[in-house]
Amino acid sequence: MTYITVEEIEALRLVDFIGLSQEDAAEKMHVSRKTLWSDLQHARKEIVGALINGAAIEIIDGNYVHYNEEGE
């Protein structure tokens, strides 16, 4: 089983799926660029490893605040 956090998924979503710059994604997530980069590196490594090894991926809790599309 491969584990990644909600923060890592959000970092991947903002940078790799939506296409934001790391700077913009870090600002949107209210974290430093270094933290965002660490989350991206870990998530990418874990996901690629799971794909290569045929492992399941489980998203685990993290520290986050959920906002709707209007930012509320």
C-alpha atoms as a PDB file:
ATOM      1  CA  MET A   1       0.000   0.000   0.000  1.00  0.00           C
ATOM      2  CA  THR A   2       1.225   3.477  -0.887  1.00  0.00           C
ATOM      3  CA  TYR A   3       0.173   6.442   1.232  1.00  0.00           C
ATOM      4  CA  ILE A   4      -0.048  10.086   0.183  1.00  0.00           C
ATOM      5  CA  THR A   5      -1.585  12.992   2.048  1.00  0.00           C
ATOM      6  CA  VAL A   6      -4.404  15.313   1.079  1.00  0.00           C
ATOM      7  CA  GLU A   7      -1.847  18.146   0.888  1.00  0.00           C
ATOM      8  CA  GLU A   8       0.220  16.159  -1.587  1.00  0.00           C
ATOM      9  CA  ILE A   9      -2.840  15.486  -3.745  1.00  0.00           C
ATOM     10  CA  GLU A  10      -3.708  19.190  -3.695  1.00  0.00           C
ATOM     11  CA  ALA A  11      -0.145  20.124  -4.676  1.00  0.00           C
ATOM     12  CA  LEU A  12      -0.325  17.672  -7.598  1.00  0.00           C
ATOM     13  CA  ARG A  13      -3.743  18.973  -8.607  1.00  0.00           C
ATOM     14  CA  LEU A  14      -2.698  22.608  -8.625  1.00  0.00           C
ATOM     15  CA  VAL A  15       0.675  22.159 -10.347  1.00  0.00           C
ATOM     16  CA  ASP A  16       0.340  19.090 -12.580  1.00  0.00           C
ATOM     17  CA  PHE A  17      -3.382  19.075 -13.360  1.00  0.00           C
ATOM     18  CA  ILE A  18      -4.406  22.740 -13.356  1.00  0.00           C
ATOM     19  CA  GLY A  19      -0.984  24.036 -14.405  1.00  0.00           C
ATOM     20  CA  LEU A  20      -0.288  26.664 -11.761  1.00  0.00           C
ATOM     21  CA  SER A  21       3.303  27.657 -11.102  1.00  0.00           C
ATOM     22  CA  GLN A  22       4.784  26.302  -7.895  1.00  0.00           C
ATOM     23  CA  GLU A  23       4.833  29.833  -6.508  1.00  0.00           C
ATOM     24  CA  ASP A  24       1.120  30.360  -7.232  1.00  0.00           C
ATOM     25  CA  ALA A  25       0.210  26.911  -5.923  1.00  0.00           C
ATOM     26  CA  ALA A  26       2.158  27.481  -2.698  1.00  0.00           C
ATOM     27  CA  GLU A  27       0.406  30.807  -2.198  1.00  0.00           C
ATOM     28  CA  LYS A  28      -3.006  29.234  -2.821  1.00  0.00           C
ATOM     29  CA  MET A  29      -2.225  26.489  -0.293  1.00  0.00           C
ATOM     30  CA  HIS A  30      -0.786  28.982   2.224  1.00  0.00           C
ATOM     31  CA  VAL A  31       2.538  27.130   2.439  1.00  0.00           C
ATOM     32  CA  SER A  32       6.112  27.959   1.460  1.00  0.00           C
ATOM     33  CA  ARG A  33       7.467  26.997  -1.951  1.00  0.00           C
ATOM     34  CA  LYS A  34       9.842  24.621  -0.166  1.00  0.00           C
ATOM     35  CA  THR A  35       6.915  22.836   1.511  1.00  0.00           C
ATOM     36  CA  LEU A  36       5.029  22.631  -1.778  1.00  0.00           C
ATOM     37  CA  TRP A  37       8.120  21.254  -3.532  1.00  0.00           C
ATOM     38  CA  SER A  38       8.593  18.623  -0.823  1.00  0.00           C
ATOM     39  CA  ASP A  39       4.944  17.573  -1.119  1.00  0.00           C
ATOM     40  CA  LEU A  40       5.233  17.343  -4.918  1.00  0.00           C
ATOM     41  CA  GLN A  41       8.442  15.306  -4.783  1.00  0.00           C
ATOM     42  CA  HIS A  42       7.054  12.843  -2.262  1.00  0.00           C
ATOM     43  CA  ALA A  43       3.701  12.425  -4.018  1.00  0.00           C
ATOM     44  CA  ARG A  44       5.249  11.942  -7.453  1.00  0.00           C
ATOM     45  CA  LYS A  45       7.730   9.359  -6.154  1.00  0.00           C
ATOM     46  CA  GLU A  46       5.042   7.429  -4.285  1.00  0.00           C
ATOM     47  CA  ILE A  47       2.604   7.454  -7.209  1.00  0.00           C
ATOM     48  CA  VAL A  48       5.211   6.347  -9.740  1.00  0.00           C
ATOM     49  CA  GLY A  49       6.361   3.604  -7.370  1.00  0.00           C
ATOM     50  CA  ALA A  50       2.777   2.424  -6.939  1.00  0.00           C
ATOM     51  CA  LEU A  51       2.227   2.364 -10.698  1.00  0.00           C
ATOM     52  CA  ILE A  52       5.445   0.434 -11.347  1.00  0.00           C
ATOM     53  CA  ASN A  53       4.813  -2.060  -8.552  1.00  0.00           C
ATOM     54  CA  GLY A  54       1.047  -2.360  -8.978  1.00  0.00           C
ATOM     55  CA  ALA A  55       0.395  -1.121  -5.454  1.00  0.00           C
ATOM     56  CA  ALA A  56      -2.778   0.522  -4.210  1.00  0.00           C
ATOM     57  CA  ILE A  57      -2.683   4.212  -3.312  1.00  0.00           C
ATOM     58  CA  GLU A  58      -4.426   5.411  -0.178  1.00  0.00           C
ATOM     59  CA  ILE A  59      -5.007   9.091   0.507  1.00  0.00           C
ATOM     60  CA  ILE A  60      -4.581   9.783   4.192  1.00  0.00           C
ATOM     61  CA  ASP A  61      -5.615  12.747   6.304  1.00  0.00           C
ATOM     62  CA  GLY A  62      -3.478  15.795   6.542  1.00  0.00           C
ATOM     63  CA  ASN A  63      -3.690  19.377   7.718  1.00  0.00           C
ATOM     64  CA  TYR A  64      -6.054  21.323   5.517  1.00  0.00           C
ATOM     65  CA  VAL A  65      -8.999  23.677   5.409  1.00  0.00           C
ATOM     66  CA  HIS A  66     -11.695  22.982   2.843  1.00  0.00           C
ATOM     67  CA  TYR A  67     -12.959  25.972   0.840  1.00  0.00           C
ATOM     68  CA  ASN A  68     -15.688  25.960  -1.773  1.00  0.00           C
ATOM     69  CA  GLU A  69     -15.073  27.417  -5.234  1.00  0.00           C
ATOM     70  CA  GLU A  70     -15.870  30.940  -3.986  1.00  0.00           C
ATOM     71  CA  GLY A  71     -13.146  30.633  -1.328  1.00  0.00           C
ATOM     72  CA  GLU A  72     -15.588  30.490   1.580  1.00  0.00           C
END
